[in-house]
PDB file of N, CA and C in Angstrom:
ATOM      1  N   VAL A   1     105.755  65.970 156.485  1.00  0.00           N
ATOM      2  CA  VAL A   1     107.093  66.412 156.074  1.00  0.00           C
ATOM      3  C   VAL A   1     107.047  67.866 155.584  1.00  0.00           C
ATOM      4  N   GLY A   2     105.985  68.222 154.857  1.00  0.00           N
ATOM      5  CA  GLY A   2     105.888  69.567 154.309  1.00  0.00           C
ATOM      6  C   GLY A   2     105.857  70.608 155.424  1.00  0.00           C
ATOM      7  N   GLN A   3     105.120  70.314 156.506  1.00  0.00           N
ATOM      8  CA  GLN A   3     105.019  71.286 157.600  1.00  0.00           C
ATOM      9  C   GLN A   3     106.378  71.508 158.256  1.00  0.00           C
ATOM     10  N   ILE A   4     107.100  70.419 158.452  1.00  0.00           N
ATOM     11  CA  ILE A   4     108.420  70.525 159.078  1.00  0.00           C
ATOM     12  C   ILE A   4     109.369  71.352 158.190  1.00  0.00           C
ATOM     13  N   GLU A   5     109.357  71.102 156.908  1.00  0.00           N
ATOM     14  CA  GLU A   5     110.243  71.856 155.994  1.00  0.00           C
ATOM     15  C   GLU A   5     109.869  73.325 156.022  1.00  0.00           C
ATOM     16  N   ASP A   6     108.567  73.616 156.057  1.00  0.00           N
ATOM     17  CA  ASP A   6     108.117  75.001 156.096  1.00  0.00           C
ATOM     18  C   ASP A   6     108.579  75.668 157.371  1.00  0.00           C
ATOM     19  N   PHE A   7     108.474  74.943 158.491  1.00  0.00           N
ATOM     20  CA  PHE A   7     108.914  75.494 159.781  1.00  0.00           C
ATOM     21  C   PHE A   7     110.422  75.783 159.764  1.00  0.00           C
ATOM     22  N   LEU A   8     111.186  74.837 159.243  1.00  0.00           N
ATOM     23  CA  LEU A   8     112.621  75.048 159.170  1.00  0.00           C
ATOM     24  C   LEU A   8     112.961  76.233 158.289  1.00  0.00           C
ATOM     25  N   TYR A   9     112.231  76.384 157.200  1.00  0.00           N
ATOM     26  CA  TYR A   9     112.474  77.502 156.310  1.00  0.00           C
ATOM     27  C   TYR A   9     112.217  78.809 157.025  1.00  0.00           C
ATOM     28  N   GLN A  10     111.107  78.892 157.742  1.00  0.00           N
ATOM     29  CA  GLN A  10     110.770  80.116 158.501  1.00  0.00           C
ATOM     30  C   GLN A  10     111.831  80.409 159.530  1.00  0.00           C
ATOM     31  N   LEU A  11     112.291  79.361 160.214  1.00  0.00           N
ATOM     32  CA  LEU A  11     113.317  79.499 161.241  1.00  0.00           C
ATOM     33  C   LEU A  11     114.589  80.075 160.644  1.00  0.00           C
ATOM     34  N   GLU A  12     114.999  79.475 159.486  1.00  0.00           N
ATOM     35  CA  GLU A  12     116.206  79.937 158.833  1.00  0.00           C
ATOM     36  C   GLU A  12     116.091  81.388 158.373  1.00  0.00           C
ATOM     37  N   ASP A  13     114.882  81.736 157.846  1.00  0.00           N
ATOM     38  CA  ASP A  13     114.636  83.087 157.353  1.00  0.00           C
ATOM     39  C   ASP A  13     114.765  84.087 158.507  1.00  0.00           C
ATOM     40  N   SER A  14     114.158  83.773 159.618  1.00  0.00           N
ATOM     41  CA  SER A  14     114.228  84.704 160.774  1.00  0.00           C
ATOM     42  C   SER A  14     115.655  84.809 161.272  1.00  0.00           C
ATOM     43  N   PHE A  15     116.375  83.693 161.267  1.00  0.00           N
ATOM     44  CA  PHE A  15     117.763  83.707 161.712  1.00  0.00           C
ATOM     45  C   PHE A  15     118.614  84.626 160.816  1.00  0.00           C
ATOM     46  N   LEU A  16     118.411  84.518 159.507  1.00  0.00           N
ATOM     47  CA  LEU A  16     119.158  85.348 158.569  1.00  0.00           C
ATOM     48  C   LEU A  16     118.803  86.813 158.752  1.00  0.00           C
ATOM     49  N   LYS A  17     117.508  87.101 159.055  1.00  0.00           N
ATOM     50  CA  LYS A  17     117.113  88.474 159.256  1.00  0.00           C
ATOM     51  C   LYS A  17     117.813  89.059 160.486  1.00  0.00           C
ATOM     52  N   THR A  18     117.847  88.289 161.583  1.00  0.00           N
ATOM     53  CA  THR A  18     118.494  88.788 162.782  1.00  0.00           C
ATOM     54  C   THR A  18     120.002  88.976 162.542  1.00  0.00           C
ATOM     55  N   LYS A  19     120.577  88.057 161.754  1.00  0.00           N
ATOM     56  CA  LYS A  19     121.989  88.177 161.429  1.00  0.00           C
ATOM     57  C   LYS A  19     122.271  89.463 160.658  1.00  0.00           C
ATOM     58  N   LYS A  20     121.402  89.777 159.677  1.00  0.00           N
ATOM     59  CA  LYS A  20     121.554  91.016 158.898  1.00  0.00           C
ATOM     60  C   LYS A  20     121.443  92.232 159.811  1.00  0.00           C
ATOM     61  N   LEU A  21     120.466  92.205 160.733  1.00  0.00           N
ATOM     62  CA  LEU A  21     120.273  93.316 161.654  1.00  0.00           C
ATOM     63  C   LEU A  21     121.529  93.516 162.525  1.00  0.00           C
ATOM     64  N   ARG A  22     122.068  92.401 162.981  1.00  0.00           N
ATOM     65  CA  ARG A  22     123.248  92.493 163.824  1.00  0.00           C
ATOM     66  C   ARG A  22     124.416  93.115 163.081  1.00  0.00           C
ATOM     67  N   THR A  23     124.652  92.656 161.841  1.00  0.00           N
ATOM     68  CA  THR A  23     125.754  93.191 161.050  1.00  0.00           C
ATOM     69  C   THR A  23     125.519  94.662 160.777  1.00  0.00           C
ATOM     70  N   ALA A  24     124.290  95.040 160.538  1.00  0.00           N
ATOM     71  CA  ALA A  24     123.966  96.462 160.231  1.00  0.00           C
ATOM     72  C   ALA A  24     124.276  97.303 161.476  1.00  0.00           C
ATOM     73  N   ARG A  25     123.863  96.785 162.663  1.00  0.00           N
ATOM     74  CA  ARG A  25     124.129  97.531 163.888  1.00  0.00           C
ATOM     75  C   ARG A  25     125.631  97.684 164.098  1.00  0.00           C
ATOM     76  N   ARG A  26     126.367  96.622 163.843  1.00  0.00           N
ATOM     77  CA  ARG A  26     127.826  96.646 164.030  1.00  0.00           C
ATOM     78  C   ARG A  26     128.439  97.715 163.117  1.00  0.00           C
ATOM     79  N   GLN A  27     128.005  97.748 161.850  1.00  0.00           N
ATOM     80  CA  GLN A  27     128.515  98.717 160.901  1.00  0.00           C
ATOM     81  C   GLN A  27     128.206 100.145 161.383  1.00  0.00           C
ATOM     82  N   LYS A  28     126.982 100.345 161.894  1.00  0.00           N
ATOM     83  CA  LYS A  28     126.601 101.656 162.380  1.00  0.00           C
ATOM     84  C   LYS A  28     127.492 102.096 163.519  1.00  0.00           C
ATOM     85  N   THR A  29     127.737 101.203 164.481  1.00  0.00           N
ATOM     86  CA  THR A  29     128.591 101.530 165.618  1.00  0.00           C
ATOM     87  C   THR A  29     129.997 101.853 165.128  1.00  0.00           C
ATOM     88  N   LYS A  30     130.475 101.086 164.149  1.00  0.00           N
ATOM     89  CA  LYS A  30     131.810 101.341 163.605  1.00  0.00           C
ATOM     90  C   LYS A  30     131.876 102.752 162.999  1.00  0.00           C
ATOM     91  N   MET A  31     130.837 103.121 162.240  1.00  0.00           N
ATOM     92  CA  MET A  31     130.792 104.422 161.617  1.00  0.00           C
ATOM     93  C   MET A  31     130.792 105.516 162.689  1.00  0.00           C
ATOM     94  N   LYS A  32     130.023 105.333 163.742  1.00  0.00           N
ATOM     95  CA  LYS A  32     129.960 106.307 164.827  1.00  0.00           C
ATOM     96  C   LYS A  32     131.330 106.465 165.464  1.00  0.00           C
ATOM     97  N   ARG A  33     131.992 105.370 165.710  1.00  0.00           N
ATOM     98  CA  ARG A  33     133.314 105.389 166.339  1.00  0.00           C
ATOM     99  C   ARG A  33     134.288 106.155 165.445  1.00  0.00           C
ATOM    100  N   LEU A  34     134.261 105.882 164.166  1.00  0.00           N
ATOM    101  CA  LEU A  34     135.178 106.557 163.235  1.00  0.00           C
ATOM    102  C   LEU A  34     134.908 108.066 163.266  1.00  0.00           C
ATOM    103  N   GLN A  35     133.611 108.438 163.278  1.00  0.00           N
ATOM    104  CA  GLN A  35     133.285 109.848 163.291  1.00  0.00           C
ATOM    105  C   GLN A  35     133.805 110.531 164.537  1.00  0.00           C
ATOM    106  N   THR A  36     133.640 109.889 165.722  1.00  0.00           N
ATOM    107  CA  THR A  36     134.090 110.481 166.985  1.00  0.00           C
ATOM    108  C   THR A  36     135.609 110.632 166.949  1.00  0.00           C
ATOM    109  N   VAL A  37     136.295 109.660 166.385  1.00  0.00           N
ATOM    110  CA  VAL A  37     137.762 109.699 166.328  1.00  0.00           C
ATOM    111  C   VAL A  37     138.191 110.824 165.432  1.00  0.00           C
ATOM    112  N   GLN A  38     137.512 111.028 164.302  1.00  0.00           N
ATOM    113  CA  GLN A  38     137.884 112.116 163.391  1.00  0.00           C
ATOM    114  C   GLN A  38     137.624 113.481 164.022  1.00  0.00           C
ATOM    115  N   GLN A  39     136.553 113.600 164.802  1.00  0.00           N
ATOM    116  CA  GLN A  39     136.198 114.892 165.397  1.00  0.00           C
ATOM    117  C   GLN A  39     137.230 115.317 166.451  1.00  0.00           C
ATOM    118  N   SER A  40     137.638 114.382 167.320  1.00  0.00           N
ATOM    119  CA  SER A  40     138.526 114.723 168.425  1.00  0.00           C
ATOM    120  C   SER A  40     139.942 115.059 167.920  1.00  0.00           C
TER     121      SER A  40
END
């Protein structure tokens, strides 16, 4: 049981990390878009 719980924990941790990366990328793209709109 301990091994399974550990595996699930690692899986969840990696999932959260990818989620954070995705949100960060989205925010970066939003910032870039805003900058381009302001420049033009």
